Protein backbone atom coordinates (compact mmCIF):
# COMPACT_ATOMS: atom_id res chain seq x y z
CA MET A 1 -32.33 -58.55 138.95
CA LYS A 2 -35.80 -59.76 137.90
CA ILE A 3 -37.60 -58.62 134.76
CA ALA A 4 -41.20 -59.41 133.94
CA LEU A 5 -42.73 -59.44 130.47
CA MET A 6 -46.42 -59.47 129.61
CA ASP A 7 -48.59 -60.20 126.52
CA SER A 8 -51.79 -62.09 125.81
CA GLY A 9 -49.71 -64.88 124.10
CA ILE A 10 -46.28 -65.88 122.95
CA GLY A 11 -45.50 -62.62 121.08
CA LEU A 12 -43.43 -61.69 124.13
CA LEU A 13 -40.87 -64.44 123.31
CA ALA A 14 -38.80 -62.22 121.08
CA ALA A 15 -38.27 -59.64 123.80
CA THR A 16 -37.77 -62.38 126.37
CA ALA A 17 -35.01 -63.91 124.38
CA ALA A 18 -33.37 -60.55 123.84
CA VAL A 19 -33.34 -59.95 127.63
CA ARG A 20 -31.98 -63.46 128.25
CA ARG A 21 -29.17 -62.90 125.74
CA LEU A 22 -28.23 -59.53 127.28
CA ARG A 23 -28.52 -60.70 130.85
CA PRO A 24 -28.46 -64.49 131.23
CA ASP A 25 -28.22 -63.92 135.00
CA ALA A 26 -31.60 -62.17 135.25
CA ASP A 27 -34.68 -63.91 136.63
CA LEU A 28 -37.62 -63.66 134.25
CA VAL A 29 -41.36 -63.64 134.83
CA LEU A 30 -43.61 -64.18 131.79
CA SER A 31 -47.26 -63.18 132.37
CA LEU A 32 -49.63 -64.40 129.66
CA ASP A 33 -53.38 -64.27 129.32
CA PRO A 34 -54.69 -67.53 127.70
CA ASP A 35 -58.07 -66.94 129.28
CA GLY A 36 -58.45 -63.57 127.53
CA MET A 37 -56.49 -63.96 124.26
CA PRO A 38 -56.41 -62.60 121.69
CA TRP A 39 -56.39 -59.02 122.85
CA GLY A 40 -56.48 -57.49 119.38
CA PRO A 41 -60.28 -57.70 118.78
CA ARG A 42 -61.13 -56.37 122.22
CA THR A 43 -62.29 -52.82 122.87
CA PRO A 44 -59.60 -50.55 124.29
CA ARG A 45 -61.28 -50.48 127.67
CA ASP A 46 -61.61 -54.26 127.80
CA LEU A 47 -58.04 -54.77 126.63
CA THR A 48 -56.78 -52.37 129.25
CA GLN A 49 -58.61 -54.26 131.96
CA ARG A 50 -57.09 -57.57 130.83
CA ALA A 51 -53.58 -55.96 130.55
CA LEU A 52 -53.89 -54.51 134.07
CA ALA A 53 -54.80 -57.98 135.51
CA VAL A 54 -51.84 -59.64 133.76
CA ALA A 55 -49.53 -56.88 134.89
CA GLU A 56 -50.66 -57.18 138.48
CA ALA A 57 -50.03 -60.88 138.40
CA ALA A 58 -46.49 -60.16 137.27
CA ALA A 59 -46.04 -57.28 139.79
CA ALA A 60 -46.90 -59.67 142.64
CA ARG A 61 -43.64 -61.54 141.84
CA ARG A 62 -41.80 -58.26 142.65
CA PRO A 63 -39.89 -57.66 139.37
CA ASP A 64 -37.60 -54.68 138.93
CA ALA A 65 -39.14 -53.75 135.62
CA LEU A 66 -42.09 -54.79 133.40
CA ILE A 67 -41.92 -54.96 129.62
CA VAL A 68 -45.16 -54.82 127.72
CA GLY A 69 -44.21 -57.29 124.95
CA CYS A 70 -47.17 -56.38 122.72
CA ASN A 71 -47.71 -53.52 120.34
CA THR A 72 -51.51 -53.47 120.76
CA ALA A 73 -51.34 -53.42 124.52
CA THR A 74 -48.73 -50.66 124.38
CA VAL A 75 -51.04 -48.61 122.17
CA HIS A 76 -54.12 -48.92 124.36
CA ALA A 77 -52.92 -49.79 127.87
CA LEU A 78 -49.45 -48.32 128.41
CA THR A 79 -50.71 -45.03 129.99
CA ALA A 80 -52.96 -46.89 132.44
CA LEU A 81 -50.24 -49.38 133.30
CA ARG A 82 -47.73 -46.64 134.06
CA ALA A 83 -50.35 -44.73 136.11
CA HIS A 84 -51.03 -47.93 138.20
CA LEU A 85 -47.53 -49.28 138.56
CA GLU A 86 -44.93 -46.49 138.29
CA PRO A 87 -42.78 -45.17 139.86
CA ALA A 88 -42.40 -48.29 142.04
CA LEU A 89 -42.26 -50.52 138.91
CA PRO A 90 -40.81 -49.12 135.65
CA VAL A 91 -43.01 -50.11 132.65
CA ILE A 92 -41.46 -50.29 129.15
CA GLY A 93 -43.67 -50.37 126.12
CA THR A 94 -43.03 -51.80 122.61
CA VAL A 95 -43.22 -49.42 119.66
CA PRO A 96 -42.60 -50.41 115.95
CA ALA A 97 -39.10 -49.54 114.93
CA ILE A 98 -40.19 -47.02 112.32
CA LYS A 99 -37.66 -44.32 113.28
CA PRO A 100 -34.43 -46.35 112.87
CA ALA A 101 -35.93 -48.07 109.77
CA ALA A 102 -36.62 -44.76 108.10
CA ALA A 103 -33.15 -43.47 108.97
CA GLY A 104 -31.74 -45.98 106.51
CA GLY A 105 -33.59 -44.31 103.59
CA GLY A 106 -35.27 -46.29 100.82
CA HIS A 107 -38.84 -47.54 100.41
CA LEU A 108 -40.15 -48.76 103.80
CA ALA A 109 -42.89 -51.32 104.40
CA ILE A 110 -44.66 -51.71 107.72
CA TRP A 111 -46.08 -55.19 108.36
CA ALA A 112 -48.71 -54.91 111.08
CA THR A 113 -52.06 -56.35 112.12
CA PRO A 114 -55.07 -55.14 110.12
CA ALA A 115 -56.35 -53.24 113.16
CA THR A 116 -53.05 -51.33 113.43
CA THR A 117 -52.54 -50.77 109.72
CA GLY A 118 -53.86 -47.28 108.88
CA SER A 119 -54.64 -46.49 112.53
CA PRO A 120 -54.05 -43.03 113.88
CA TYR A 121 -51.37 -44.48 116.13
CA GLN A 122 -49.36 -45.88 113.20
CA GLN A 123 -50.05 -42.88 111.02
CA GLY A 124 -48.62 -40.70 113.80
CA LEU A 125 -45.38 -42.68 113.97
CA ILE A 126 -45.02 -42.47 110.17
CA ARG A 127 -45.63 -38.74 110.20
CA ASP A 128 -43.25 -38.13 113.13
CA PHE A 129 -40.42 -40.42 112.02
CA ALA A 130 -40.69 -41.35 108.33
CA GLY A 131 -41.66 -38.19 106.60
CA GLY A 132 -38.75 -38.34 104.18
CA VAL A 133 -39.14 -41.81 102.80
CA PRO A 134 -41.82 -43.63 100.87
CA VAL A 135 -43.93 -45.91 103.20
CA THR A 136 -46.25 -48.76 102.41
CA GLU A 137 -48.47 -50.10 105.16
CA VAL A 138 -49.09 -53.82 104.77
CA PRO A 139 -51.93 -55.50 106.64
CA CYS A 140 -51.02 -59.08 107.64
CA TRP A 141 -54.34 -60.88 107.87
CA GLY A 142 -54.11 -63.84 110.20
CA LEU A 143 -50.33 -63.83 110.70
CA ALA A 144 -50.23 -63.11 114.41
CA GLU A 145 -52.88 -65.86 115.05
CA ALA A 146 -50.97 -68.36 112.89
CA VAL A 147 -47.69 -67.63 114.72
CA GLU A 148 -49.45 -67.89 118.10
CA HIS A 149 -50.64 -71.42 117.25
CA ALA A 150 -47.45 -72.42 115.31
CA ASP A 151 -49.72 -73.34 112.43
CA GLU A 152 -47.11 -73.83 109.63
CA ALA A 153 -49.56 -73.83 106.76
CA ALA A 154 -51.38 -70.75 108.00
CA ILE A 155 -48.09 -68.94 108.65
CA ASP A 156 -46.89 -69.65 105.03
CA ALA A 157 -50.27 -68.48 103.61
CA ALA A 158 -50.32 -65.27 105.65
CA VAL A 159 -46.67 -64.44 104.89
CA SER A 160 -47.23 -65.01 101.22
CA ALA A 161 -50.35 -62.82 101.10
CA ALA A 162 -48.53 -60.00 102.91
CA ALA A 163 -45.49 -60.36 100.64
CA ALA A 164 -47.77 -59.99 97.62
CA LEU A 165 -48.96 -56.67 99.00
CA THR A 166 -45.37 -55.47 99.53
CA PRO A 167 -43.85 -53.45 96.55
CA ASP A 168 -40.89 -54.95 94.77
CA ASP A 169 -38.67 -51.87 95.47
CA VAL A 170 -39.06 -52.09 99.24
CA THR A 171 -35.62 -52.10 100.92
CA THR A 172 -36.73 -52.29 104.58
CA VAL A 173 -39.54 -54.02 106.48
CA VAL A 174 -40.60 -52.96 109.94
CA LEU A 175 -42.13 -55.83 111.91
CA GLY A 176 -44.99 -54.01 113.60
CA CYS A 177 -46.25 -56.90 115.74
CA THR A 178 -44.13 -58.81 118.18
CA HIS A 179 -45.38 -62.16 116.95
CA TYR A 180 -43.82 -61.44 113.52
CA GLU A 181 -40.30 -61.40 114.95
CA LEU A 182 -40.68 -65.08 115.68
CA VAL A 183 -40.83 -65.75 111.89
CA ALA A 184 -38.53 -63.00 110.73
CA GLU A 185 -36.44 -65.13 108.42
CA ARG A 186 -39.48 -66.51 106.66
CA ILE A 187 -40.67 -62.97 106.12
CA ARG A 188 -37.25 -62.01 104.74
CA THR A 189 -37.25 -64.97 102.30
CA ALA A 190 -40.80 -64.08 101.08
CA VAL A 191 -40.11 -60.40 100.51
CA GLN A 192 -36.56 -60.58 99.15
CA ARG A 193 -36.60 -59.97 95.36
CA PRO A 194 -33.98 -61.48 93.04
CA GLY A 195 -31.35 -59.06 92.06
CA ARG A 196 -32.28 -56.56 94.82
CA PRO A 197 -29.99 -55.61 97.75
CA PRO A 198 -30.42 -57.75 100.89
CA LEU A 199 -33.67 -56.83 102.67
CA VAL A 200 -33.30 -55.08 106.02
CA LEU A 201 -35.71 -56.10 108.82
CA HIS A 202 -36.38 -54.04 111.93
CA GLY A 203 -37.91 -55.62 115.01
CA SER A 204 -38.40 -54.05 118.42
CA ALA A 205 -37.15 -56.83 120.77
CA GLY A 206 -33.51 -55.77 121.04
CA ALA A 207 -34.33 -52.12 121.65
CA VAL A 208 -36.91 -52.95 124.25
CA ALA A 209 -34.61 -55.21 126.08
CA ALA A 210 -31.90 -52.56 126.08
CA GLN A 211 -34.37 -49.87 127.25
CA ALA A 212 -35.38 -52.05 130.17
CA LEU A 213 -31.76 -52.32 131.34
CA ARG A 214 -31.29 -48.53 130.96
CA ARG A 215 -34.42 -47.83 133.11
CA LEU A 216 -32.78 -50.06 135.79
CA GLY A 217 -29.37 -48.45 135.46
CA GLU A 218 -27.96 -51.80 134.42
CA GLN A 219 -25.47 -52.75 131.72
CA PRO A 220 -25.59 -55.59 129.26
CA ALA A 221 -23.57 -58.62 130.52
CA PRO A 222 -24.03 -61.36 127.90
CA GLY A 223 -21.13 -63.29 129.40
CA ALA A 224 -22.70 -63.49 132.80
CA THR A 225 -23.27 -66.89 134.44
CA PRO A 226 -26.61 -68.08 133.08
CA HIS A 227 -28.31 -68.84 136.35
CA GLY A 228 -31.42 -66.73 135.72
CA THR A 229 -34.68 -68.49 136.50
CA LEU A 230 -38.00 -68.45 134.54
CA THR A 231 -41.53 -68.27 135.90
CA VAL A 232 -44.57 -68.52 133.67
CA LEU A 233 -47.93 -67.14 134.70
CA LEU A 234 -51.07 -68.13 132.77
CA SER A 235 -53.84 -65.64 133.48
CA GLY A 236 -52.28 -65.40 136.97
CA ARG A 237 -51.76 -69.09 137.52
CA GLU A 238 -48.16 -70.48 137.62
CA GLY A 239 -47.62 -72.93 134.73
CA THR A 240 -45.37 -73.70 131.80
CA LEU A 241 -44.77 -72.23 128.37
CA PRO A 242 -47.61 -73.01 125.91
CA ALA A 243 -46.63 -75.88 123.59
CA PRO A 244 -46.53 -73.72 120.42
CA ALA A 245 -43.78 -71.60 121.97
CA LEU A 246 -41.35 -74.51 121.56
CA ALA A 247 -41.84 -74.38 117.77
CA TYR A 248 -39.56 -71.23 117.80
CA ALA A 249 -35.96 -70.84 118.71
CA GLU A 250 -36.87 -68.11 121.13
CA GLY A 251 -39.23 -70.48 122.95
CA ARG A 252 -36.76 -73.26 123.10
CA LEU A 253 -34.21 -70.91 124.70
CA MET A 254 -36.79 -70.52 127.56
CA GLN A 255 -37.74 -74.16 127.76
CA ALA A 256 -36.39 -74.94 131.22
CA VAL A 257 -38.93 -73.55 133.61
CA THR A 258 -37.99 -73.24 137.27
CA PRO A 259 -39.54 -71.21 140.13
CA ALA A 260 -38.28 -67.69 140.43
CA ARG A 261 -36.20 -66.92 143.42
């Protein structure tokens, strides 16, 4: 089994690590776009063109499924990617975990990029899945960029700024950008208030990895022999993981890069 994941940068690491933990025997193809990143400021049309190019590079390696490990690319390019690649190649998008987070009740905060915060897309998810709970949308200025470059000072500053915008009575935080999952515990520490119940964080990586296996009719096998290979494509060129990836546990899990079979 071979599973490909795509993003402009290292935000796909959270889903990659989740797939690796569920199926250590799966070959993985990571298709990044350093020539075109970041995708967030691009127009939807431009972003879709970049995403299609990155997806085609991954598809050339003949994976069994493709995960779009980016919330922004899912919003703007998922329909085009599916029209271009399915049914031959199943395409799995990444959606903020608002539905399961809201099911727990309590005040919910959604940490997302400024472009996503307040967007019709996110407002639709809130309306559809979180109508019964109070919701605060928190714009996280510069956090994705800081995580992408493993800039410790910038990460601390961005997390602190977003935490200051998060109400004290929030019980649950949705991580609405895949980059944020790489610093989840730092977010938890910043938002947790003394004397309050333990904060609940909801990312998307685990659900996305599980959905990819379901689309393939496969079951998790975390005890399988860990012989899965890793291929990294950088704007279509075979290479290695960007150095900032190794600042995170998810990146170090993927550190050994070998050609895909």
